[in-house]
Amino acid sequence: MGTSEGRPEGRFASTVRVGEKGQIVIPKGARELFGIGPGDTLLLLADVERGIAIVRPDLFEQFPESDPRTPGRGTRAEG
């Protein structure tokens, strides 16, 4: 089932421009979809092969296989 804006429900795609200070604006549709508001803390994940993702920390916790601290994942040195 699609939304009134022609995209699948629960999904959002957009381009953003990086400003002079390296900042981006998260589009209103994405903020509304994920309940992101002023002052919220977000987690930025970056991987040279997979790109950049920005998630709410509580959503990231739902996917332990994505956690770089999970054994066999990420590049964090143990010790």
C-alpha atoms as a PDB file:
ATOM      1  CA  MET A   1       0.000   0.000   0.000  1.00  0.00           C
ATOM      2  CA  GLY A   2       1.462   3.371  -1.005  1.00  0.00           C
ATOM      3  CA  THR A   3       1.311   6.733   0.659  1.00  0.00           C
ATOM      4  CA  SER A   4      -0.351   9.824  -0.733  1.00  0.00           C
ATOM      5  CA  GLU A   5       3.103  10.979  -1.852  1.00  0.00           C
ATOM      6  CA  GLY A   6       3.572   7.942  -4.129  1.00  0.00           C
ATOM      7  CA  ARG A   7       6.183   6.091  -2.069  1.00  0.00           C
ATOM      8  CA  PRO A   8       5.746   2.781  -0.268  1.00  0.00           C
ATOM      9  CA  GLU A   9       4.463   3.057   3.277  1.00  0.00           C
ATOM     10  CA  GLY A  10       7.252   3.065   5.853  1.00  0.00           C
ATOM     11  CA  ARG A  11       9.921   4.121   3.351  1.00  0.00           C
ATOM     12  CA  PHE A  12      11.551   7.420   2.429  1.00  0.00           C
ATOM     13  CA  ALA A  13      14.228   8.453  -0.055  1.00  0.00           C
ATOM     14  CA  SER A  14      15.606  11.888  -0.748  1.00  0.00           C
ATOM     15  CA  THR A  15      18.781  13.700  -1.665  1.00  0.00           C
ATOM     16  CA  VAL A  16      20.348  16.146   0.756  1.00  0.00           C
ATOM     17  CA  ARG A  17      23.047  18.747   0.239  1.00  0.00           C
ATOM     18  CA  VAL A  18      26.035  19.088   2.538  1.00  0.00           C
ATOM     19  CA  GLY A  19      26.423  22.699   3.676  1.00  0.00           C
ATOM     20  CA  GLU A  20      29.623  24.660   4.136  1.00  0.00           C
ATOM     21  CA  LYS A  21      29.927  23.484   7.748  1.00  0.00           C
ATOM     22  CA  GLY A  22      29.454  19.818   6.780  1.00  0.00           C
ATOM     23  CA  GLN A  23      25.850  19.743   7.996  1.00  0.00           C
ATOM     24  CA  ILE A  24      22.835  18.138   6.358  1.00  0.00           C
ATOM     25  CA  VAL A  25      19.144  18.717   6.958  1.00  0.00           C
ATOM     26  CA  ILE A  26      17.069  15.590   7.529  1.00  0.00           C
ATOM     27  CA  PRO A  27      13.943  16.074   5.373  1.00  0.00           C
ATOM     28  CA  LYS A  28      10.644  16.575   7.190  1.00  0.00           C
ATOM     29  CA  GLY A  29       9.183  13.362   5.762  1.00  0.00           C
ATOM     30  CA  ALA A  30      12.038  11.287   7.168  1.00  0.00           C
ATOM     31  CA  ARG A  31      11.860  13.047  10.562  1.00  0.00           C
ATOM     32  CA  GLU A  32       8.122  12.371  10.744  1.00  0.00           C
ATOM     33  CA  LEU A  33       8.524   8.740   9.640  1.00  0.00           C
ATOM     34  CA  PHE A  34      11.020   8.030  12.426  1.00  0.00           C
ATOM     35  CA  GLY A  35       9.701  10.404  15.073  1.00  0.00           C
ATOM     36  CA  ILE A  36      12.883  12.497  15.095  1.00  0.00           C
ATOM     37  CA  GLY A  37      12.598  15.863  16.819  1.00  0.00           C
ATOM     38  CA  PRO A  38      14.794  18.767  17.851  1.00  0.00           C
ATOM     39  CA  GLY A  39      17.385  17.735  20.443  1.00  0.00           C
ATOM     40  CA  ASP A  40      17.171  14.005  19.640  1.00  0.00           C
ATOM     41  CA  THR A  41      20.425  12.072  19.597  1.00  0.00           C
ATOM     42  CA  LEU A  42      21.096   9.993  16.492  1.00  0.00           C
ATOM     43  CA  LEU A  43      23.722   7.366  15.793  1.00  0.00           C
ATOM     44  CA  LEU A  44      25.810   7.767  12.626  1.00  0.00           C
ATOM     45  CA  LEU A  45      27.240   4.538  11.211  1.00  0.00           C
ATOM     46  CA  ALA A  46      29.790   4.600   8.395  1.00  0.00           C
ATOM     47  CA  ASP A  47      31.327   1.795   6.376  1.00  0.00           C
ATOM     48  CA  VAL A  48      33.440   2.379   3.267  1.00  0.00           C
ATOM     49  CA  GLU A  49      31.725  -0.530   1.489  1.00  0.00           C
ATOM     50  CA  ARG A  50      28.144   0.034   2.666  1.00  0.00           C
ATOM     51  CA  GLY A  51      27.901   3.817   3.036  1.00  0.00           C
ATOM     52  CA  ILE A  52      26.510   6.013   5.788  1.00  0.00           C
ATOM     53  CA  ALA A  53      23.408   5.362   7.881  1.00  0.00           C
ATOM     54  CA  ILE A  54      21.812   7.553  10.525  1.00  0.00           C
ATOM     55  CA  VAL A  55      19.555   5.797  13.025  1.00  0.00           C
ATOM     56  CA  ARG A  56      17.922   6.402  16.355  1.00  0.00           C
ATOM     57  CA  PRO A  57      19.960   4.494  18.972  1.00  0.00           C
ATOM     58  CA  ASP A  58      16.863   2.565  20.099  1.00  0.00           C
ATOM     59  CA  LEU A  59      16.319   1.213  16.566  1.00  0.00           C
ATOM     60  CA  PHE A  60      19.960   0.147  16.265  1.00  0.00           C
ATOM     61  CA  GLU A  61      19.648  -1.903  19.454  1.00  0.00           C
ATOM     62  CA  GLN A  62      16.977  -4.053  17.762  1.00  0.00           C
ATOM     63  CA  PHE A  63      19.585  -5.456  15.361  1.00  0.00           C
ATOM     64  CA  PRO A  64      22.442  -7.047  17.353  1.00  0.00           C
ATOM     65  CA  GLU A  65      23.903  -8.588  14.186  1.00  0.00           C
ATOM     66  CA  SER A  66      24.610  -5.027  13.015  1.00  0.00           C
ATOM     67  CA  ASP A  67      26.435  -4.133  16.235  1.00  0.00           C
ATOM     68  CA  PRO A  68      30.185  -3.854  15.599  1.00  0.00           C
ATOM     69  CA  ARG A  69      30.715  -5.166  19.144  1.00  0.00           C
ATOM     70  CA  THR A  70      29.109  -8.476  18.154  1.00  0.00           C
ATOM     71  CA  PRO A  71      31.788 -11.206  17.875  1.00  0.00           C
ATOM     72  CA  GLY A  72      32.932 -11.601  14.281  1.00  0.00           C
ATOM     73  CA  ARG A  73      31.685  -8.127  13.305  1.00  0.00           C
ATOM     74  CA  GLY A  74      33.342  -4.768  12.917  1.00  0.00           C
ATOM     75  CA  THR A  75      36.947  -3.789  13.440  1.00  0.00           C
ATOM     76  CA  ARG A  76      37.042  -3.130  17.165  1.00  0.00           C
ATOM     77  CA  ALA A  77      40.083  -4.714  18.771  1.00  0.00           C
ATOM     78  CA  GLU A  78      39.421  -6.808  21.838  1.00  0.00           C
ATOM     79  CA  GLY A  79      41.626  -6.593  24.872  1.00  0.00           C
END
